[in-house]
């Protein structure tokens, strides 16, 4: 089963969910705003795919941070602190692809996802 993590009103998450539905792919949705950020998984994501991939520096939440807060995000520990404090800073969606070669991806890329869907057991 695929788990898609994000925020329900995020446009990229909406596109990703629509794509999964169009492809007939079963998934579970975890909303950061309603369900929180799972700290154990965040630790895994900070390790792979890495804190640089997780911190969304293009969004409005990042731009609203003061300069000191932005420049303080320099490593895994500082990224974890800011991501837990402001889940909207997590680049979305984060997807846990379970099955052969389980991986985690950040962001929506239909081409990459097409390959991932082929390796996931969706019969659960």
PDB file of N, CA and C in Angstrom:
ATOM      1  N   UNK A   1       0.848  -1.188   0.000  1.00  0.00           N
ATOM      2  CA  UNK A   1       0.000   0.000   0.000  1.00  0.00           C
ATOM      3  C   UNK A   1       0.884   1.239   0.000  1.00  0.00           C
ATOM      4  N   UNK A   2       0.469   2.192  -0.745  1.00  0.00           N
ATOM      5  CA  UNK A   2       1.152   3.479  -0.831  1.00  0.00           C
ATOM      6  C   UNK A   2       0.564   4.398   0.235  1.00  0.00           C
ATOM      7  N   UNK A   3       1.433   5.174   0.886  1.00  0.00           N
ATOM      8  CA  UNK A   3       0.956   6.215   1.784  1.00  0.00           C
ATOM      9  C   UNK A   3       1.420   7.549   1.238  1.00  0.00           C
ATOM     10  N   UNK A   4       0.455   8.427   1.011  1.00  0.00           N
ATOM     11  CA  UNK A   4       0.725   9.767   0.507  1.00  0.00           C
ATOM     12  C   UNK A   4       0.559  10.732   1.673  1.00  0.00           C
ATOM     13  N   UNK A   5       1.614  11.463   1.975  1.00  0.00           N
ATOM     14  CA  UNK A   5       1.620  12.429   3.071  1.00  0.00           C
ATOM     15  C   UNK A   5       1.569  13.830   2.482  1.00  0.00           C
ATOM     16  N   UNK A   6       0.746  14.683   3.059  1.00  0.00           N
ATOM     17  CA  UNK A   6       0.679  16.049   2.565  1.00  0.00           C
ATOM     18  C   UNK A   6      -0.374  16.851   3.295  1.00  0.00           C
ATOM     19  N   UNK A   7      -0.868  17.856   2.605  1.00  0.00           N
ATOM     20  CA  UNK A   7      -1.905  18.737   3.118  1.00  0.00           C
ATOM     21  C   UNK A   7      -3.019  18.729   2.081  1.00  0.00           C
ATOM     22  N   UNK A   8      -4.238  18.492   2.524  1.00  0.00           N
ATOM     23  CA  UNK A   8      -5.338  18.262   1.589  1.00  0.00           C
ATOM     24  C   UNK A   8      -5.617  19.424   0.643  1.00  0.00           C
ATOM     25  N   UNK A   9      -5.367  20.652   1.051  1.00  0.00           N
ATOM     26  CA  UNK A   9      -5.670  21.780   0.163  1.00  0.00           C
ATOM     27  C   UNK A   9      -4.484  22.209  -0.698  1.00  0.00           C
ATOM     28  N   UNK A  10      -3.384  21.468  -0.659  1.00  0.00           N
ATOM     29  CA  UNK A  10      -2.207  21.764  -1.484  1.00  0.00           C
ATOM     30  C   UNK A  10      -2.490  21.361  -2.935  1.00  0.00           C
ATOM     31  N   UNK A  11      -2.251  22.259  -3.874  1.00  0.00           N
ATOM     32  CA  UNK A  11      -2.519  21.981  -5.287  1.00  0.00           C
ATOM     33  C   UNK A  11      -1.727  20.790  -5.808  1.00  0.00           C
ATOM     34  N   UNK A  12      -0.477  20.658  -5.407  1.00  0.00           N
ATOM     35  CA  UNK A  12       0.337  19.537  -5.871  1.00  0.00           C
ATOM     36  C   UNK A  12      -0.195  18.225  -5.309  1.00  0.00           C
ATOM     37  N   UNK A  13      -0.622  18.234  -4.070  1.00  0.00           N
ATOM     38  CA  UNK A  13      -1.217  17.036  -3.468  1.00  0.00           C
ATOM     39  C   UNK A  13      -2.515  16.688  -4.182  1.00  0.00           C
ATOM     40  N   UNK A  14      -3.308  17.680  -4.517  1.00  0.00           N
ATOM     41  CA  UNK A  14      -4.547  17.433  -5.267  1.00  0.00           C
ATOM     42  C   UNK A  14      -4.249  16.788  -6.613  1.00  0.00           C
ATOM     43  N   UNK A  15      -3.240  17.296  -7.326  1.00  0.00           N
ATOM     44  CA  UNK A  15      -2.857  16.703  -8.623  1.00  0.00           C
ATOM     45  C   UNK A  15      -2.368  15.274  -8.437  1.00  0.00           C
ATOM     46  N   UNK A  16      -1.583  15.052  -7.403  1.00  0.00           N
ATOM     47  CA  UNK A  16      -1.054  13.709  -7.136  1.00  0.00           C
ATOM     48  C   UNK A  16      -2.189  12.740  -6.819  1.00  0.00           C
ATOM     49  N   UNK A  17      -3.126  13.151  -6.010  1.00  0.00           N
ATOM     50  CA  UNK A  17      -4.253  12.286  -5.659  1.00  0.00           C
ATOM     51  C   UNK A  17      -5.125  12.010  -6.873  1.00  0.00           C
ATOM     52  N   UNK A  18      -5.324  13.010  -7.697  1.00  0.00           N
ATOM     53  CA  UNK A  18      -6.106  12.808  -8.920  1.00  0.00           C
ATOM     54  C   UNK A  18      -5.397  11.824  -9.849  1.00  0.00           C
ATOM     55  N   UNK A  19      -4.083  11.944  -9.957  1.00  0.00           N
ATOM     56  CA  UNK A  19      -3.317  11.035 -10.807  1.00  0.00           C
ATOM     57  C   UNK A  19      -3.436   9.604 -10.294  1.00  0.00           C
ATOM     58  N   UNK A  20      -3.279   9.407  -8.980  1.00  0.00           N
ATOM     59  CA  UNK A  20      -3.406   8.070  -8.403  1.00  0.00           C
ATOM     60  C   UNK A  20      -4.797   7.490  -8.664  1.00  0.00           C
ATOM     61  N   UNK A  21      -5.824   8.311  -8.504  1.00  0.00           N
ATOM     62  CA  UNK A  21      -7.195   7.848  -8.767  1.00  0.00           C
ATOM     63  C   UNK A  21      -7.369   7.480 -10.238  1.00  0.00           C
ATOM     64  N   UNK A  22      -6.852   8.310 -11.125  1.00  0.00           N
ATOM     65  CA  UNK A  22      -6.948   8.057 -12.572  1.00  0.00           C
ATOM     66  C   UNK A  22      -6.263   6.747 -12.944  1.00  0.00           C
ATOM     67  N   UNK A  23      -5.148   6.460 -12.277  1.00  0.00           N
ATOM     68  CA  UNK A  23      -4.389   5.238 -12.554  1.00  0.00           C
ATOM     69  C   UNK A  23      -4.951   4.027 -11.807  1.00  0.00           C
ATOM     70  N   UNK A  24      -5.949   4.245 -10.959  1.00  0.00           N
ATOM     71  CA  UNK A  24      -6.550   3.155 -10.203  1.00  0.00           C
ATOM     72  C   UNK A  24      -5.652   2.609  -9.106  1.00  0.00           C
ATOM     73  N   UNK A  25      -4.825   3.479  -8.549  1.00  0.00           N
ATOM     74  CA  UNK A  25      -3.865   3.071  -7.531  1.00  0.00           C
ATOM     75  C   UNK A  25      -4.444   3.338  -6.142  1.00  0.00           C
ATOM     76  N   UNK A  26      -4.496   2.280  -5.340  1.00  0.00           N
ATOM     77  CA  UNK A  26      -4.972   2.424  -3.963  1.00  0.00           C
ATOM     78  C   UNK A  26      -3.878   3.082  -3.123  1.00  0.00           C
ATOM     79  N   UNK A  27      -4.283   3.960  -2.240  1.00  0.00           N
ATOM     80  CA  UNK A  27      -3.324   4.629  -1.363  1.00  0.00           C
ATOM     81  C   UNK A  27      -4.030   5.068  -0.097  1.00  0.00           C
ATOM     82  N   UNK A  28      -3.229   5.345   0.903  1.00  0.00           N
ATOM     83  CA  UNK A  28      -3.717   5.907   2.160  1.00  0.00           C
ATOM     84  C   UNK A  28      -3.208   7.341   2.216  1.00  0.00           C
ATOM     85  N   UNK A  29      -4.045   8.270   2.680  1.00  0.00           N
ATOM     86  CA  UNK A  29      -3.650   9.678   2.764  1.00  0.00           C
ATOM     87  C   UNK A  29      -3.452  10.070   4.218  1.00  0.00           C
ATOM     88  N   UNK A  30      -2.332  10.712   4.500  1.00  0.00           N
ATOM     89  CA  UNK A  30      -2.015  11.220   5.835  1.00  0.00           C
ATOM     90  C   UNK A  30      -1.885  12.736   5.718  1.00  0.00           C
ATOM     91  N   UNK A  31      -2.788  13.458   6.353  1.00  0.00           N
ATOM     92  CA  UNK A  31      -2.816  14.921   6.288  1.00  0.00           C
ATOM     93  C   UNK A  31      -1.994  15.495   7.441  1.00  0.00           C
ATOM     94  N   UNK A  32      -0.919  16.206   7.091  1.00  0.00           N
ATOM     95  CA  UNK A  32      -0.061  16.797   8.123  1.00  0.00           C
ATOM     96  C   UNK A  32      -0.829  17.744   9.037  1.00  0.00           C
ATOM     97  N   UNK A  33      -1.793  18.468   8.500  1.00  0.00           N
ATOM     98  CA  UNK A  33      -2.529  19.448   9.306  1.00  0.00           C
ATOM     99  C   UNK A  33      -3.443  18.759  10.317  1.00  0.00           C
ATOM    100  N   UNK A  34      -4.071  17.647   9.901  1.00  0.00           N
ATOM    101  CA  UNK A  34      -5.011  16.959  10.782  1.00  0.00           C
ATOM    102  C   UNK A  34      -4.353  15.892  11.631  1.00  0.00           C
ATOM    103  N   UNK A  35      -3.394  15.173  11.039  1.00  0.00           N
ATOM    104  CA  UNK A  35      -2.807  14.010  11.702  1.00  0.00           C
ATOM    105  C   UNK A  35      -1.406  14.263  12.245  1.00  0.00           C
ATOM    106  N   UNK A  36      -0.854  15.424  11.954  1.00  0.00           N
ATOM    107  CA  UNK A  36       0.480  15.757  12.420  1.00  0.00           C
ATOM    108  C   UNK A  36       1.575  15.133  11.563  1.00  0.00           C
ATOM    109  N   UNK A  37       2.793  15.498  11.881  1.00  0.00           N
ATOM    110  CA  UNK A  37       3.958  14.962  11.184  1.00  0.00           C
ATOM    111  C   UNK A  37       4.482  13.793  12.020  1.00  0.00           C
ATOM    112  N   UNK A  38       4.507  12.592  11.444  1.00  0.00           N
ATOM    113  CA  UNK A  38       5.024  11.452  12.209  1.00  0.00           C
ATOM    114  C   UNK A  38       6.539  11.582  12.391  1.00  0.00           C
ATOM    115  N   UNK A  39       6.948  11.876  13.620  1.00  0.00           N
ATOM    116  CA  UNK A  39       8.351  12.200  13.882  1.00  0.00           C
ATOM    117  C   UNK A  39       9.301  11.060  13.516  1.00  0.00           C
ATOM    118  N   UNK A  40       8.887   9.825  13.758  1.00  0.00           N
ATOM    119  CA  UNK A  40       9.741   8.679  13.418  1.00  0.00           C
ATOM    120  C   UNK A  40       9.969   8.629  11.911  1.00  0.00           C
ATOM    121  N   UNK A  41       8.908   8.847  11.142  1.00  0.00           N
ATOM    122  CA  UNK A  41       9.055   8.856   9.686  1.00  0.00           C
ATOM    123  C   UNK A  41       9.842  10.071   9.223  1.00  0.00           C
ATOM    124  N   UNK A  42       9.625  11.217   9.860  1.00  0.00           N
ATOM    125  CA  UNK A  42      10.392  12.406   9.501  1.00  0.00           C
ATOM    126  C   UNK A  42      11.881  12.139   9.648  1.00  0.00           C
ATOM    127  N   UNK A  43      12.268  11.461  10.714  1.00  0.00           N
ATOM    128  CA  UNK A  43      13.678  11.109  10.899  1.00  0.00           C
ATOM    129  C   UNK A  43      14.184  10.266   9.723  1.00  0.00           C
ATOM    130  N   UNK A  44      13.364   9.321   9.275  1.00  0.00           N
ATOM    131  CA  UNK A  44      13.748   8.487   8.127  1.00  0.00           C
ATOM    132  C   UNK A  44      13.863   9.338   6.865  1.00  0.00           C
ATOM    133  N   UNK A  45      12.894  10.240   6.655  1.00  0.00           N
ATOM    134  CA  UNK A  45      12.904  11.085   5.461  1.00  0.00           C
ATOM    135  C   UNK A  45      14.094  12.038   5.463  1.00  0.00           C
ATOM    136  N   UNK A  46      14.449  12.520   6.642  1.00  0.00           N
ATOM    137  CA  UNK A  46      15.597  13.423   6.734  1.00  0.00           C
ATOM    138  C   UNK A  46      16.881  12.690   6.351  1.00  0.00           C
ATOM    139  N   UNK A  47      16.893  11.393   6.584  1.00  0.00           N
ATOM    140  CA  UNK A  47      18.035  10.566   6.198  1.00  0.00           C
ATOM    141  C   UNK A  47      17.985  10.259   4.696  1.00  0.00           C
ATOM    142  N   UNK A  48      16.817   9.859   4.205  1.00  0.00           N
ATOM    143  CA  UNK A  48      16.635   9.553   2.785  1.00  0.00           C
ATOM    144  C   UNK A  48      15.186   9.814   2.420  1.00  0.00           C
ATOM    145  N   UNK A  49      14.916  10.781   1.635  1.00  0.00           N
ATOM    146  CA  UNK A  49      15.719  11.415   0.600  1.00  0.00           C
ATOM    147  C   UNK A  49      16.581  12.593   1.035  1.00  0.00           C
ATOM    148  N   UNK A  50      16.510  12.993   2.297  1.00  0.00           N
ATOM    149  CA  UNK A  50      17.398  14.038   2.790  1.00  0.00           C
ATOM    150  C   UNK A  50      16.675  15.331   3.117  1.00  0.00           C
ATOM    151  N   UNK A  51      17.278  16.084   4.037  1.00  0.00           N
ATOM    152  CA  UNK A  51      16.634  17.314   4.497  1.00  0.00           C
ATOM    153  C   UNK A  51      16.522  18.355   3.399  1.00  0.00           C
ATOM    154  N   UNK A  52      17.489  18.393   2.488  1.00  0.00           N
ATOM    155  CA  UNK A  52      17.438  19.385   1.405  1.00  0.00           C
ATOM    156  C   UNK A  52      16.227  19.160   0.502  1.00  0.00           C
ATOM    157  N   UNK A  53      15.864  17.894   0.277  1.00  0.00           N
ATOM    158  CA  UNK A  53      14.705  17.574  -0.553  1.00  0.00           C
ATOM    159  C   UNK A  53      13.393  17.874   0.166  1.00  0.00           C
ATOM    160  N   UNK A  54      13.385  17.773   1.484  1.00  0.00           N
ATOM    161  CA  UNK A  54      12.148  17.947   2.256  1.00  0.00           C
ATOM    162  C   UNK A  54      11.768  19.398   2.500  1.00  0.00           C
ATOM    163  N   UNK A  55      12.738  20.273   2.620  1.00  0.00           N
ATOM    164  CA  UNK A  55      12.436  21.667   2.939  1.00  0.00           C
ATOM    165  C   UNK A  55      12.011  22.392   1.662  1.00  0.00           C
ATOM    166  N   UNK A  56      10.763  22.855   1.666  1.00  0.00           N
ATOM    167  CA  UNK A  56      10.214  23.552   0.508  1.00  0.00           C
ATOM    168  C   UNK A  56      10.591  25.032   0.582  1.00  0.00           C
ATOM    169  N   UNK A  57      11.626  25.381  -0.155  1.00  0.00           N
ATOM    170  CA  UNK A  57      12.105  26.767  -0.153  1.00  0.00           C
ATOM    171  C   UNK A  57      11.393  27.635  -1.179  1.00  0.00           C
ATOM    172  N   UNK A  58      10.427  27.070  -1.895  1.00  0.00           N
ATOM    173  CA  UNK A  58       9.721  27.834  -2.923  1.00  0.00           C
ATOM    174  C   UNK A  58       8.341  28.304  -2.466  1.00  0.00           C
ATOM    175  N   UNK A  59       7.866  27.764  -1.361  1.00  0.00           N
ATOM    176  CA  UNK A  59       6.513  28.067  -0.918  1.00  0.00           C
ATOM    177  C   UNK A  59       6.392  29.352  -0.131  1.00  0.00           C
ATOM    178  N   UNK A  60       5.139  29.731   0.079  1.00  0.00           N
ATOM    179  CA  UNK A  60       4.867  30.972   0.803  1.00  0.00           C
ATOM    180  C   UNK A  60       5.265  30.866   2.280  1.00  0.00           C
ATOM    181  N   UNK A  61       5.170  29.675   2.851  1.00  0.00           N
ATOM    182  CA  UNK A  61       5.549  29.526   4.264  1.00  0.00           C
ATOM    183  C   UNK A  61       7.027  29.836   4.452  1.00  0.00           C
ATOM    184  N   UNK A  62       7.862  29.368   3.538  1.00  0.00           N
ATOM    185  CA  UNK A  62       9.302  29.658   3.604  1.00  0.00           C
ATOM    186  C   UNK A  62       9.546  31.159   3.461  1.00  0.00           C
ATOM    187  N   UNK A  63       8.867  31.783   2.508  1.00  0.00           N
ATOM    188  CA  UNK A  63       9.064  33.217   2.270  1.00  0.00           C
ATOM    189  C   UNK A  63       8.601  34.064   3.454  1.00  0.00           C
ATOM    190  N   UNK A  64       7.653  33.543   4.224  1.00  0.00           N
ATOM    191  CA  UNK A  64       7.158  34.283   5.394  1.00  0.00           C
ATOM    192  C   UNK A  64       8.115  34.206   6.587  1.00  0.00           C
ATOM    193  N   UNK A  65       9.016  33.227   6.570  1.00  0.00           N
ATOM    194  CA  UNK A  65       9.993  33.140   7.664  1.00  0.00           C
ATOM    195  C   UNK A  65      10.926  34.340   7.615  1.00  0.00           C
ATOM    196  N   UNK A  66      11.359  34.787   8.772  1.00  0.00           N
ATOM    197  CA  UNK A  66      12.321  35.883   8.764  1.00  0.00           C
ATOM    198  C   UNK A  66      13.682  35.355   8.299  1.00  0.00           C
ATOM    199  N   UNK A  67      14.552  36.269   7.927  1.00  0.00           N
ATOM    200  CA  UNK A  67      15.864  35.890   7.389  1.00  0.00           C
ATOM    201  C   UNK A  67      16.655  35.008   8.348  1.00  0.00           C
ATOM    202  N   UNK A  68      16.579  35.311   9.624  1.00  0.00           N
ATOM    203  CA  UNK A  68      17.327  34.529  10.612  1.00  0.00           C
ATOM    204  C   UNK A  68      16.843  33.081  10.644  1.00  0.00           C
ATOM    205  N   UNK A  69      15.537  32.874  10.572  1.00  0.00           N
ATOM    206  CA  UNK A  69      14.989  31.513  10.584  1.00  0.00           C
ATOM    207  C   UNK A  69      15.394  30.753   9.327  1.00  0.00           C
ATOM    208  N   UNK A  70      15.358  31.423   8.184  1.00  0.00           N
ATOM    209  CA  UNK A  70      15.748  30.765   6.924  1.00  0.00           C
ATOM    210  C   UNK A  70      17.228  30.400   6.933  1.00  0.00           C
ATOM    211  N   UNK A  71      18.071  31.302   7.368  1.00  0.00           N
ATOM    212  CA  UNK A  71      19.508  31.019   7.341  1.00  0.00           C
ATOM    213  C   UNK A  71      19.914  30.001   8.404  1.00  0.00           C
ATOM    214  N   UNK A  72      19.059  29.777   9.394  1.00  0.00           N
ATOM    215  CA  UNK A  72      19.363  28.803  10.448  1.00  0.00           C
ATOM    216  C   UNK A  72      19.164  27.359   9.989  1.00  0.00           C
ATOM    217  N   UNK A  73      18.471  27.161   8.877  1.00  0.00           N
ATOM    218  CA  UNK A  73      18.241  25.797   8.374  1.00  0.00           C
ATOM    219  C   UNK A  73      19.468  25.387   7.559  1.00  0.00           C
ATOM    220  N   UNK A  74      20.371  24.670   8.241  1.00  0.00           N
ATOM    221  CA  UNK A  74      21.661  24.350   7.622  1.00  0.00           C
ATOM    222  C   UNK A  74      22.022  22.864   7.668  1.00  0.00           C
ATOM    223  N   UNK A  75      21.223  22.081   8.410  1.00  0.00           N
ATOM    224  CA  UNK A  75      21.554  20.669   8.546  1.00  0.00           C
ATOM    225  C   UNK A  75      20.301  19.897   8.946  1.00  0.00           C
ATOM    226  N   UNK A  76      20.465  18.608   9.182  1.00  0.00           N
ATOM    227  CA  UNK A  76      19.332  17.744   9.516  1.00  0.00           C
ATOM    228  C   UNK A  76      18.615  18.206  10.778  1.00  0.00           C
ATOM    229  N   UNK A  77      19.356  18.517  11.826  1.00  0.00           N
ATOM    230  CA  UNK A  77      18.739  18.909  13.102  1.00  0.00           C
ATOM    231  C   UNK A  77      17.937  20.196  12.961  1.00  0.00           C
ATOM    232  N   UNK A  78      18.498  21.184  12.302  1.00  0.00           N
ATOM    233  CA  UNK A  78      17.779  22.454  12.151  1.00  0.00           C
ATOM    234  C   UNK A  78      16.576  22.296  11.220  1.00  0.00           C
ATOM    235  N   UNK A  79      16.717  21.467  10.208  1.00  0.00           N
ATOM    236  CA  UNK A  79      15.588  21.211   9.310  1.00  0.00           C
ATOM    237  C   UNK A  79      14.469  20.500  10.060  1.00  0.00           C
ATOM    238  N   UNK A  80      14.813  19.523  10.871  1.00  0.00           N
ATOM    239  CA  UNK A  80      13.797  18.791  11.633  1.00  0.00           C
ATOM    240  C   UNK A  80      13.015  19.742  12.529  1.00  0.00           C
ATOM    241  N   UNK A  81      13.700  20.607  13.214  1.00  0.00           N
ATOM    242  CA  UNK A  81      13.033  21.548  14.115  1.00  0.00           C
ATOM    243  C   UNK A  81      12.037  22.428  13.373  1.00  0.00           C
ATOM    244  N   UNK A  82      12.448  22.977  12.247  1.00  0.00           N
ATOM    245  CA  UNK A  82      11.564  23.878  11.509  1.00  0.00           C
ATOM    246  C   UNK A  82      10.412  23.116  10.860  1.00  0.00           C
ATOM    247  N   UNK A  83      10.646  21.887  10.398  1.00  0.00           N
ATOM    248  CA  UNK A  83       9.588  21.098   9.769  1.00  0.00           C
ATOM    249  C   UNK A  83       8.545  20.643  10.784  1.00  0.00           C
ATOM    250  N   UNK A  84       8.979  20.300  11.988  1.00  0.00           N
ATOM    251  CA  UNK A  84       8.017  19.935  13.026  1.00  0.00           C
ATOM    252  C   UNK A  84       7.207  21.145  13.474  1.00  0.00           C
ATOM    253  N   UNK A  85       7.850  22.300  13.538  1.00  0.00           N
ATOM    254  CA  UNK A  85       7.158  23.521  13.957  1.00  0.00           C
ATOM    255  C   UNK A  85       6.194  24.028  12.883  1.00  0.00           C
ATOM    256  N   UNK A  86       6.551  23.833  11.609  1.00  0.00           N
ATOM    257  CA  UNK A  86       5.735  24.319  10.496  1.00  0.00           C
ATOM    258  C   UNK A  86       5.625  23.234   9.421  1.00  0.00           C
ATOM    259  N   UNK A  87       4.677  22.300   9.574  1.00  0.00           N
ATOM    260  CA  UNK A  87       4.539  21.213   8.599  1.00  0.00           C
ATOM    261  C   UNK A  87       4.327  21.694   7.164  1.00  0.00           C
ATOM    262  N   UNK A  88       3.845  22.914   6.996  1.00  0.00           N
ATOM    263  CA  UNK A  88       3.653  23.444   5.644  1.00  0.00           C
ATOM    264  C   UNK A  88       4.971  23.648   4.910  1.00  0.00           C
ATOM    265  N   UNK A  89       6.081  23.589   5.632  1.00  0.00           N
ATOM    266  CA  UNK A  89       7.394  23.722   5.000  1.00  0.00           C
ATOM    267  C   UNK A  89       7.877  22.429   4.355  1.00  0.00           C
ATOM    268  N   UNK A  90       7.167  21.326   4.610  1.00  0.00           N
ATOM    269  CA  UNK A  90       7.558  20.059   3.999  1.00  0.00           C
ATOM    270  C   UNK A  90       7.101  20.058   2.549  1.00  0.00           C
ATOM    271  N   UNK A  91       8.050  19.804   1.640  1.00  0.00           N
ATOM    272  CA  UNK A  91       7.704  19.727   0.229  1.00  0.00           C
ATOM    273  C   UNK A  91       6.754  18.557   0.048  1.00  0.00           C
ATOM    274  N   UNK A  92       5.715  18.780  -0.724  1.00  0.00           N
ATOM    275  CA  UNK A  92       4.654  17.803  -0.849  1.00  0.00           C
ATOM    276  C   UNK A  92       4.448  17.364  -2.295  1.00  0.00           C
ATOM    277  N   UNK A  93       3.868  16.168  -2.387  1.00  0.00           N
ATOM    278  CA  UNK A  93       3.633  15.168  -1.368  1.00  0.00           C
ATOM    279  C   UNK A  93       4.885  14.352  -1.071  1.00  0.00           C
ATOM    280  N   UNK A  94       4.903  13.777   0.108  1.00  0.00           N
ATOM    281  CA  UNK A  94       5.896  12.766   0.452  1.00  0.00           C
ATOM    282  C   UNK A  94       5.162  11.439   0.284  1.00  0.00           C
ATOM    283  N   UNK A  95       5.768  10.518  -0.446  1.00  0.00           N
ATOM    284  CA  UNK A  95       5.099   9.243  -0.705  1.00  0.00           C
ATOM    285  C   UNK A  95       5.992   8.090  -0.269  1.00  0.00           C
ATOM    286  N   UNK A  96       5.415   7.211   0.545  1.00  0.00           N
ATOM    287  CA  UNK A  96       6.091   5.972   0.944  1.00  0.00           C
ATOM    288  C   UNK A  96       5.608   4.888  -0.006  1.00  0.00           C
ATOM    289  N   UNK A  97       6.510   4.438  -0.859  1.00  0.00           N
ATOM    290  CA  UNK A  97       6.215   3.396  -1.849  1.00  0.00           C
ATOM    291  C   UNK A  97       6.636   2.064  -1.252  1.00  0.00           C
ATOM    292  N   UNK A  98       5.667   1.272  -0.871  1.00  0.00           N
ATOM    293  CA  UNK A  98       5.966  -0.025  -0.276  1.00  0.00           C
ATOM    294  C   UNK A  98       5.890  -1.095  -1.351  1.00  0.00           C
ATOM    295  N   UNK A  99       6.702  -2.103  -1.213  1.00  0.00           N
ATOM    296  CA  UNK A  99       6.753  -3.177  -2.187  1.00  0.00           C
ATOM    297  C   UNK A  99       8.194  -3.464  -2.525  1.00  0.00           C
ATOM    298  N   UNK A 100       8.421  -3.977  -3.722  1.00  0.00           N
ATOM    299  CA  UNK A 100       9.792  -4.246  -4.143  1.00  0.00           C
ATOM    300  C   UNK A 100      10.564  -2.937  -4.199  1.00  0.00           C
ATOM    301  N   UNK A 101      11.688  -2.898  -3.517  1.00  0.00           N
ATOM    302  CA  UNK A 101      12.506  -1.688  -3.528  1.00  0.00           C
ATOM    303  C   UNK A 101      11.821  -0.507  -2.878  1.00  0.00           C
ATOM    304  N   UNK A 102      11.215  -0.723  -1.706  1.00  0.00           N
ATOM    305  CA  UNK A 102      10.503   0.350  -0.998  1.00  0.00           C
ATOM    306  C   UNK A 102      11.355   1.610  -0.927  1.00  0.00           C
ATOM    307  N   UNK A 103      10.754   2.728  -1.267  1.00  0.00           N
ATOM    308  CA  UNK A 103      11.452   4.002  -1.238  1.00  0.00           C
ATOM    309  C   UNK A 103      10.489   5.101  -0.804  1.00  0.00           C
ATOM    310  N   UNK A 104      11.037   6.265  -0.608  1.00  0.00           N
ATOM    311  CA  UNK A 104      10.251   7.455  -0.321  1.00  0.00           C
ATOM    312  C   UNK A 104      10.620   8.512  -1.347  1.00  0.00           C
ATOM    313  N   UNK A 105       9.596   9.147  -1.912  1.00  0.00           N
ATOM    314  CA  UNK A 105       9.833  10.237  -2.855  1.00  0.00           C
ATOM    315  C   UNK A 105       9.198  11.513  -2.316  1.00  0.00           C
ATOM    316  N   UNK A 106       9.694  12.631  -2.818  1.00  0.00           N
ATOM    317  CA  UNK A 106       9.180  13.939  -2.428  1.00  0.00           C
ATOM    318  C   UNK A 106       8.798  14.681  -3.705  1.00  0.00           C
ATOM    319  N   UNK A 107       7.593  15.228  -3.715  1.00  0.00           N
ATOM    320  CA  UNK A 107       7.112  15.943  -4.884  1.00  0.00           C
ATOM    321  C   UNK A 107       6.355  15.016  -5.825  1.00  0.00           C
ATOM    322  N   UNK A 108       5.686  15.607  -6.807  1.00  0.00           N
ATOM    323  CA  UNK A 108       4.900  14.839  -7.762  1.00  0.00           C
ATOM    324  C   UNK A 108       5.566  14.868  -9.124  1.00  0.00           C
ATOM    325  N   UNK A 109       5.842  13.676  -9.635  1.00  0.00           N
ATOM    326  CA  UNK A 109       6.423  13.516 -10.964  1.00  0.00           C
ATOM    327  C   UNK A 109       5.756  12.294 -11.578  1.00  0.00           C
ATOM    328  N   UNK A 110       4.821  12.512 -12.509  1.00  0.00           N
ATOM    329  CA  UNK A 110       4.031  11.420 -13.081  1.00  0.00           C
ATOM    330  C   UNK A 110       4.905  10.350 -13.722  1.00  0.00           C
ATOM    331  N   UNK A 111       5.959  10.727 -14.416  1.00  0.00           N
ATOM    332  CA  UNK A 111       6.847   9.751 -15.042  1.00  0.00           C
ATOM    333  C   UNK A 111       7.527   8.865 -14.029  1.00  0.00           C
ATOM    334  N   UNK A 112       8.047   9.476 -12.981  1.00  0.00           N
ATOM    335  CA  UNK A 112       8.694   8.720 -11.918  1.00  0.00           C
ATOM    336  C   UNK A 112       7.669   7.835 -11.210  1.00  0.00           C
ATOM    337  N   UNK A 113       6.498   8.365 -10.971  1.00  0.00           N
ATOM    338  CA  UNK A 113       5.463   7.617 -10.272  1.00  0.00           C
ATOM    339  C   UNK A 113       4.990   6.422 -11.084  1.00  0.00           C
ATOM    340  N   UNK A 114       4.913   6.565 -12.399  1.00  0.00           N
ATOM    341  CA  UNK A 114       4.474   5.453 -13.248  1.00  0.00           C
ATOM    342  C   UNK A 114       5.372   4.243 -13.014  1.00  0.00           C
ATOM    343  N   UNK A 115       6.668   4.484 -12.938  1.00  0.00           N
ATOM    344  CA  UNK A 115       7.619   3.404 -12.662  1.00  0.00           C
ATOM    345  C   UNK A 115       7.413   2.840 -11.257  1.00  0.00           C
ATOM    346  N   UNK A 116       7.200   3.703 -10.288  1.00  0.00           N
ATOM    347  CA  UNK A 116       7.004   3.266  -8.905  1.00  0.00           C
ATOM    348  C   UNK A 116       5.749   2.406  -8.759  1.00  0.00           C
ATOM    349  N   UNK A 117       4.675   2.812  -9.429  1.00  0.00           N
ATOM    350  CA  UNK A 117       3.410   2.083  -9.336  1.00  0.00           C
ATOM    351  C   UNK A 117       3.599   0.640  -9.804  1.00  0.00           C
ATOM    352  N   UNK A 118       4.448   0.444 -10.776  1.00  0.00           N
ATOM    353  CA  UNK A 118       4.687  -0.901 -11.295  1.00  0.00           C
ATOM    354  C   UNK A 118       5.372  -1.808 -10.275  1.00  0.00           C
ATOM    355  N   UNK A 119       6.027  -1.234  -9.275  1.00  0.00           N
ATOM    356  CA  UNK A 119       6.745  -2.041  -8.287  1.00  0.00           C
ATOM    357  C   UNK A 119       5.992  -2.209  -6.979  1.00  0.00           C
ATOM    358  N   UNK A 120       4.784  -1.616  -6.890  1.00  0.00           N
ATOM    359  CA  UNK A 120       4.022  -1.647  -5.648  1.00  0.00           C
ATOM    360  C   UNK A 120       2.920  -2.697  -5.742  1.00  0.00           C
ATOM    361  N   UNK A 121       2.749  -3.439  -4.664  1.00  0.00           N
ATOM    362  CA  UNK A 121       1.645  -4.400  -4.576  1.00  0.00           C
ATOM    363  C   UNK A 121       0.423  -3.651  -4.081  1.00  0.00           C
ATOM    364  N   UNK A 122      -0.543  -3.425  -4.969  1.00  0.00           N
ATOM    365  CA  UNK A 122      -1.746  -2.669  -4.627  1.00  0.00           C
ATOM    366  C   UNK A 122      -2.938  -3.554  -4.288  1.00  0.00           C
ATOM    367  N   UNK A 123      -2.701  -4.782  -3.927  1.00  0.00           N
ATOM    368  CA  UNK A 123      -3.799  -5.681  -3.653  1.00  0.00           C
ATOM    369  C   UNK A 123      -4.231  -5.643  -2.188  1.00  0.00           C
ATOM    370  N   UNK A 124      -3.559  -4.880  -1.359  1.00  0.00           N
ATOM    371  CA  UNK A 124      -3.880  -4.828   0.069  1.00  0.00           C
ATOM    372  C   UNK A 124      -5.089  -3.960   0.314  1.00  0.00           C
TER     373      UNK A 124
END
